[in-house]
Amino acid sequence: MKRALIGILALALGVAVAQAPKVDGKIGAGEYQKTFKHEKSGFVLYWSVVGDTLYLGLQAESKGWVGIGFLAEKTDKKKGADEYLFYMQDGKLVALDLYQTKRTGRPVPDEEEGGKNSILSAAATYEGNRWTVEFSRKLKTGEPTDVEIVPGKKILVLLAYAGKMDPKEEHKKTERWYLEDFAF
């Protein structure tokens, strides 16, 4: 009842009340506040910021895993990147929160570098090489392995996919992209 009254009051005052997307592996029309399509890779990003949480959806074509990462600034290739990798194992989604310790090569789980898995929720559908992934995380986790997301502040976003579902499968140079000056 209290929540309904707050919603009615906000609407009466002309204030939009952001609703959190449903993290179910399906992206409905109007579910997210913003959308961006990267023409070279075909990745489509969807996002909403609700309170202190980022809700992120992505769609991509891939025979293997898909991933996204964040860098506060590009100083030494991918070193310091906060990365998320998604793959299917036995028909179920595996969602990894990773940290890039070296300038190139495979990232490691956050837990190996003093962090923890910061994914609050994740779901995906994978049909005919078509991925739809949704996940959420706090804007600021307070962990050294995670990049703080500040709405409106520019960061680098990394996109990648691989030819196999194996998380140890490295992407080719032609299967990764940097989005410079990206802001959520």
C-alpha atoms as a PDB file:
ATOM      1  CA  MET A   1       0.000   0.000   0.000  1.00  0.00           C
ATOM      2  CA  LYS A   2       2.789   2.410   0.958  1.00  0.00           C
ATOM      3  CA  ARG A   3       4.678   1.664  -2.274  1.00  0.00           C
ATOM      4  CA  ALA A   4       1.543   2.262  -4.355  1.00  0.00           C
ATOM      5  CA  LEU A   5       0.979   5.632  -2.665  1.00  0.00           C
ATOM      6  CA  ILE A   6       4.575   6.671  -3.357  1.00  0.00           C
ATOM      7  CA  GLY A   7       4.114   5.691  -7.025  1.00  0.00           C
ATOM      8  CA  ILE A   8       0.878   7.657  -7.307  1.00  0.00           C
ATOM      9  CA  LEU A   9       2.463  10.688  -5.624  1.00  0.00           C
ATOM     10  CA  ALA A  10       5.472  10.537  -7.957  1.00  0.00           C
ATOM     11  CA  LEU A  11       3.207  10.352 -11.019  1.00  0.00           C
ATOM     12  CA  ALA A  12       1.109  13.248  -9.725  1.00  0.00           C
ATOM     13  CA  LEU A  13       4.273  15.312  -9.373  1.00  0.00           C
ATOM     14  CA  GLY A  14       5.383  14.354 -12.885  1.00  0.00           C
ATOM     15  CA  VAL A  15       8.370  12.317 -11.679  1.00  0.00           C
ATOM     16  CA  ALA A  16       9.184   9.150 -13.582  1.00  0.00           C
ATOM     17  CA  VAL A  17       9.638   6.154 -11.327  1.00  0.00           C
ATOM     18  CA  ALA A  18      12.234   3.829 -12.831  1.00  0.00           C
ATOM     19  CA  GLN A  19      11.204   0.209 -12.670  1.00  0.00           C
ATOM     20  CA  ALA A  20      13.809  -2.526 -12.563  1.00  0.00           C
ATOM     21  CA  PRO A  21      13.877  -4.793 -15.616  1.00  0.00           C
ATOM     22  CA  LYS A  22      12.989  -8.415 -14.993  1.00  0.00           C
ATOM     23  CA  VAL A  23      16.215 -10.457 -15.258  1.00  0.00           C
ATOM     24  CA  ASP A  24      14.778 -13.458 -17.085  1.00  0.00           C
ATOM     25  CA  GLY A  25      16.865 -13.789 -20.270  1.00  0.00           C
ATOM     26  CA  LYS A  26      14.176 -12.127 -22.394  1.00  0.00           C
ATOM     27  CA  ILE A  27      14.264  -8.460 -23.352  1.00  0.00           C
ATOM     28  CA  GLY A  28      10.844  -6.962 -23.916  1.00  0.00           C
ATOM     29  CA  ALA A  29      10.010  -3.765 -25.774  1.00  0.00           C
ATOM     30  CA  GLY A  30      10.503  -0.782 -23.474  1.00  0.00           C
ATOM     31  CA  GLU A  31      11.930  -2.925 -20.676  1.00  0.00           C
ATOM     32  CA  TYR A  32      15.175  -0.914 -20.493  1.00  0.00           C
ATOM     33  CA  GLN A  33      15.712   2.843 -20.321  1.00  0.00           C
ATOM     34  CA  LYS A  34      18.464   2.974 -22.958  1.00  0.00           C
ATOM     35  CA  THR A  35      19.771   0.977 -25.937  1.00  0.00           C
ATOM     36  CA  PHE A  36      22.961   1.008 -28.006  1.00  0.00           C
ATOM     37  CA  LYS A  37      23.789  -1.059 -31.102  1.00  0.00           C
ATOM     38  CA  HIS A  38      27.439  -1.604 -32.001  1.00  0.00           C
ATOM     39  CA  GLU A  39      27.419  -1.927 -35.784  1.00  0.00           C
ATOM     40  CA  LYS A  40      30.791  -3.713 -36.207  1.00  0.00           C
ATOM     41  CA  SER A  41      30.085  -6.538 -33.761  1.00  0.00           C
ATOM     42  CA  GLY A  42      26.304  -6.686 -33.909  1.00  0.00           C
ATOM     43  CA  PHE A  43      26.119  -6.492 -30.100  1.00  0.00           C
ATOM     44  CA  VAL A  44      23.078  -4.664 -28.776  1.00  0.00           C
ATOM     45  CA  LEU A  45      23.299  -3.300 -25.235  1.00  0.00           C
ATOM     46  CA  TYR A  46      20.309  -2.429 -23.082  1.00  0.00           C
ATOM     47  CA  TRP A  47      20.555  -0.797 -19.671  1.00  0.00           C
ATOM     48  CA  SER A  48      18.668   0.814 -16.855  1.00  0.00           C
ATOM     49  CA  VAL A  49      19.968   2.335 -13.663  1.00  0.00           C
ATOM     50  CA  VAL A  50      17.533   1.871 -10.804  1.00  0.00           C
ATOM     51  CA  GLY A  51      18.705   3.233  -7.474  1.00  0.00           C
ATOM     52  CA  ASP A  52      22.219   1.912  -6.884  1.00  0.00           C
ATOM     53  CA  THR A  53      21.945  -0.953  -9.381  1.00  0.00           C
ATOM     54  CA  LEU A  54      22.840  -1.331 -13.067  1.00  0.00           C
ATOM     55  CA  TYR A  55      20.611  -3.696 -15.055  1.00  0.00           C
ATOM     56  CA  LEU A  56      22.312  -4.708 -18.277  1.00  0.00           C
ATOM     57  CA  GLY A  57      21.058  -6.750 -21.196  1.00  0.00           C
ATOM     58  CA  LEU A  58      22.991  -7.776 -24.246  1.00  0.00           C
ATOM     59  CA  GLN A  59      22.170  -9.565 -27.451  1.00  0.00           C
ATOM     60  CA  ALA A  60      24.767 -11.027 -29.786  1.00  0.00           C
ATOM     61  CA  GLU A  61      25.404 -13.788 -32.312  1.00  0.00           C
ATOM     62  CA  SER A  62      28.035 -16.313 -31.242  1.00  0.00           C
ATOM     63  CA  LYS A  63      28.738 -20.041 -31.386  1.00  0.00           C
ATOM     64  CA  GLY A  64      30.449 -19.731 -27.997  1.00  0.00           C
ATOM     65  CA  TRP A  65      30.590 -17.554 -24.930  1.00  0.00           C
ATOM     66  CA  VAL A  66      29.850 -13.816 -24.876  1.00  0.00           C
ATOM     67  CA  GLY A  67      31.405 -11.232 -22.610  1.00  0.00           C
ATOM     68  CA  ILE A  68      31.386  -7.605 -21.593  1.00  0.00           C
ATOM     69  CA  GLY A  69      33.885  -5.638 -19.556  1.00  0.00           C
ATOM     70  CA  PHE A  70      34.501  -2.214 -18.111  1.00  0.00           C
ATOM     71  CA  LEU A  71      37.667  -0.155 -17.806  1.00  0.00           C
ATOM     72  CA  ALA A  72      37.812   3.171 -15.992  1.00  0.00           C
ATOM     73  CA  GLU A  73      40.590   4.234 -18.374  1.00  0.00           C
ATOM     74  CA  LYS A  74      42.757   2.522 -20.949  1.00  0.00           C
ATOM     75  CA  THR A  75      46.325   2.630 -19.700  1.00  0.00           C
ATOM     76  CA  ASP A  76      47.795  -0.823 -20.441  1.00  0.00           C
ATOM     77  CA  LYS A  77      45.544  -2.679 -22.905  1.00  0.00           C
ATOM     78  CA  LYS A  78      42.974  -4.663 -20.841  1.00  0.00           C
ATOM     79  CA  LYS A  79      44.836  -4.647 -17.510  1.00  0.00           C
ATOM     80  CA  GLY A  80      42.472  -3.758 -14.657  1.00  0.00           C
ATOM     81  CA  ALA A  81      39.289  -4.548 -16.583  1.00  0.00           C
ATOM     82  CA  ASP A  82      36.175  -5.700 -14.745  1.00  0.00           C
ATOM     83  CA  GLU A  83      34.847  -8.467 -17.021  1.00  0.00           C
ATOM     84  CA  TYR A  84      31.748 -10.655 -17.184  1.00  0.00           C
ATOM     85  CA  LEU A  85      31.642 -13.842 -19.229  1.00  0.00           C
ATOM     86  CA  PHE A  86      28.547 -15.915 -20.005  1.00  0.00           C
ATOM     87  CA  TYR A  87      28.353 -19.437 -21.406  1.00  0.00           C
ATOM     88  CA  MET A  88      26.037 -22.421 -21.421  1.00  0.00           C
ATOM     89  CA  GLN A  89      26.940 -25.692 -19.729  1.00  0.00           C
ATOM     90  CA  ASP A  90      24.487 -28.590 -19.894  1.00  0.00           C
ATOM     91  CA  GLY A  91      21.769 -26.157 -20.995  1.00  0.00           C
ATOM     92  CA  LYS A  92      22.268 -23.838 -18.014  1.00  0.00           C
ATOM     93  CA  LEU A  93      23.803 -20.384 -17.880  1.00  0.00           C
ATOM     94  CA  VAL A  94      27.153 -19.929 -16.171  1.00  0.00           C
ATOM     95  CA  ALA A  95      27.875 -16.274 -15.340  1.00  0.00           C
ATOM     96  CA  LEU A  96      31.409 -15.331 -14.312  1.00  0.00           C
ATOM     97  CA  ASP A  97      32.664 -12.113 -12.716  1.00  0.00           C
ATOM     98  CA  LEU A  98      36.317 -11.778 -13.745  1.00  0.00           C
ATOM     99  CA  TYR A  99      39.275  -9.435 -13.364  1.00  0.00           C
ATOM    100  CA  GLN A 100      42.008  -8.775 -15.931  1.00  0.00           C
ATOM    101  CA  THR A 101      45.340  -8.985 -14.064  1.00  0.00           C
ATOM    102  CA  LYS A 102      47.554  -8.760 -17.160  1.00  0.00           C
ATOM    103  CA  ARG A 103      47.450  -6.548 -20.215  1.00  0.00           C
ATOM    104  CA  THR A 104      46.354  -9.505 -22.402  1.00  0.00           C
ATOM    105  CA  GLY A 105      45.285 -13.104 -21.921  1.00  0.00           C
ATOM    106  CA  ARG A 106      42.570 -14.677 -19.820  1.00  0.00           C
ATOM    107  CA  PRO A 107      41.071 -12.872 -16.849  1.00  0.00           C
ATOM    108  CA  VAL A 108      40.802 -14.577 -13.454  1.00  0.00           C
ATOM    109  CA  PRO A 109      37.793 -14.916 -11.115  1.00  0.00           C
ATOM    110  CA  ASP A 110      37.408 -11.897  -8.826  1.00  0.00           C
ATOM    111  CA  GLU A 111      37.785 -14.201  -5.830  1.00  0.00           C
ATOM    112  CA  GLU A 112      41.425 -14.889  -6.803  1.00  0.00           C
ATOM    113  CA  GLU A 113      42.237 -11.180  -6.537  1.00  0.00           C
ATOM    114  CA  GLY A 114      40.480 -10.299  -3.278  1.00  0.00           C
ATOM    115  CA  GLY A 115      37.047  -9.582  -4.701  1.00  0.00           C
ATOM    116  CA  LYS A 116      33.842 -11.564  -4.907  1.00  0.00           C
ATOM    117  CA  ASN A 117      31.273 -12.370  -7.538  1.00  0.00           C
ATOM    118  CA  SER A 118      29.295  -9.114  -7.811  1.00  0.00           C
ATOM    119  CA  ILE A 119      26.581 -10.421 -10.131  1.00  0.00           C
ATOM    120  CA  LEU A 120      23.300  -9.957  -8.267  1.00  0.00           C
ATOM    121  CA  SER A 121      21.176 -11.839 -10.792  1.00  0.00           C
ATOM    122  CA  ALA A 122      21.685 -13.303 -14.273  1.00  0.00           C
ATOM    123  CA  ALA A 123      19.605 -15.121 -16.853  1.00  0.00           C
ATOM    124  CA  ALA A 124      20.003 -15.921 -20.540  1.00  0.00           C
ATOM    125  CA  THR A 125      18.502 -17.585 -23.546  1.00  0.00           C
ATOM    126  CA  TYR A 126      20.633 -19.123 -26.256  1.00  0.00           C
ATOM    127  CA  GLU A 127      18.902 -20.292 -29.412  1.00  0.00           C
ATOM    128  CA  GLY A 128      20.486 -20.857 -32.823  1.00  0.00           C
ATOM    129  CA  ASN A 129      23.711 -19.006 -31.886  1.00  0.00           C
ATOM    130  CA  ARG A 130      21.639 -16.025 -30.695  1.00  0.00           C
ATOM    131  CA  TRP A 131      22.369 -14.842 -27.167  1.00  0.00           C
ATOM    132  CA  THR A 132      20.151 -12.753 -24.933  1.00  0.00           C
ATOM    133  CA  VAL A 133      21.830 -12.159 -21.572  1.00  0.00           C
ATOM    134  CA  GLU A 134      20.580 -10.069 -18.684  1.00  0.00           C
ATOM    135  CA  PHE A 135      22.353  -9.379 -15.414  1.00  0.00           C
ATOM    136  CA  SER A 136      22.523  -6.864 -12.610  1.00  0.00           C
ATOM    137  CA  ARG A 137      25.244  -5.518 -10.342  1.00  0.00           C
ATOM    138  CA  LYS A 138      25.696  -2.612  -7.970  1.00  0.00           C
ATOM    139  CA  LEU A 139      27.042   0.580  -9.537  1.00  0.00           C
ATOM    140  CA  LYS A 140      29.642   0.733  -6.786  1.00  0.00           C
ATOM    141  CA  THR A 141      30.629  -2.604  -5.266  1.00  0.00           C
ATOM    142  CA  GLY A 142      33.519  -1.278  -3.191  1.00  0.00           C
ATOM    143  CA  GLU A 143      35.782  -4.008  -4.522  1.00  0.00           C
ATOM    144  CA  PRO A 144      39.199  -3.393  -6.109  1.00  0.00           C
ATOM    145  CA  THR A 145      38.307  -5.891  -8.866  1.00  0.00           C
ATOM    146  CA  ASP A 146      35.208  -3.979 -10.008  1.00  0.00           C
ATOM    147  CA  VAL A 147      34.953  -0.719 -11.928  1.00  0.00           C
ATOM    148  CA  GLU A 148      32.628   1.828 -10.369  1.00  0.00           C
ATOM    149  CA  ILE A 149      29.850   2.756 -12.794  1.00  0.00           C
ATOM    150  CA  VAL A 150      28.809   6.404 -12.529  1.00  0.00           C
ATOM    151  CA  PRO A 151      25.827   7.256 -14.748  1.00  0.00           C
ATOM    152  CA  GLY A 152      26.908   9.851 -17.301  1.00  0.00           C
ATOM    153  CA  LYS A 153      30.643   9.325 -16.667  1.00  0.00           C
ATOM    154  CA  LYS A 154      32.604   7.974 -19.646  1.00  0.00           C
ATOM    155  CA  ILE A 155      34.361   4.610 -19.410  1.00  0.00           C
ATOM    156  CA  LEU A 156      35.603   1.989 -21.854  1.00  0.00           C
ATOM    157  CA  VAL A 157      33.319  -0.949 -22.541  1.00  0.00           C
ATOM    158  CA  LEU A 158      34.838  -4.165 -23.873  1.00  0.00           C
ATOM    159  CA  LEU A 159      32.774  -6.591 -25.955  1.00  0.00           C
ATOM    160  CA  ALA A 160      33.912 -10.063 -26.989  1.00  0.00           C
ATOM    161  CA  TYR A 161      32.788 -13.518 -27.981  1.00  0.00           C
ATOM    162  CA  ALA A 162      34.446 -16.821 -28.802  1.00  0.00           C
ATOM    163  CA  GLY A 163      33.830 -19.713 -31.176  1.00  0.00           C
ATOM    164  CA  LYS A 164      33.287 -22.256 -28.363  1.00  0.00           C
ATOM    165  CA  MET A 165      31.338 -22.432 -25.115  1.00  0.00           C
ATOM    166  CA  ASP A 166      34.540 -23.241 -23.221  1.00  0.00           C
ATOM    167  CA  PRO A 167      35.369 -20.300 -20.893  1.00  0.00           C
ATOM    168  CA  LYS A 168      39.064 -21.077 -21.423  1.00  0.00           C
ATOM    169  CA  GLU A 169      38.621 -20.483 -25.159  1.00  0.00           C
ATOM    170  CA  GLU A 170      40.236 -17.154 -25.965  1.00  0.00           C
ATOM    171  CA  HIS A 171      38.569 -14.837 -28.423  1.00  0.00           C
ATOM    172  CA  LYS A 172      40.301 -13.930 -31.662  1.00  0.00           C
ATOM    173  CA  LYS A 173      41.429 -10.351 -32.235  1.00  0.00           C
ATOM    174  CA  THR A 174      38.561 -10.038 -34.701  1.00  0.00           C
ATOM    175  CA  GLU A 175      36.087 -11.063 -31.975  1.00  0.00           C
ATOM    176  CA  ARG A 176      36.669  -8.186 -29.549  1.00  0.00           C
ATOM    177  CA  TRP A 177      35.867  -4.493 -29.571  1.00  0.00           C
ATOM    178  CA  TYR A 178      36.449  -1.421 -27.381  1.00  0.00           C
ATOM    179  CA  LEU A 179      33.721   1.183 -27.004  1.00  0.00           C
ATOM    180  CA  GLU A 180      35.569   4.324 -25.970  1.00  0.00           C
ATOM    181  CA  ASP A 181      33.832   7.206 -24.204  1.00  0.00           C
ATOM    182  CA  PHE A 182      30.785   5.099 -23.360  1.00  0.00           C
ATOM    183  CA  ALA A 183      28.469   6.331 -20.599  1.00  0.00           C
ATOM    184  CA  PHE A 184      25.621   4.493 -18.905  1.00  0.00           C
END
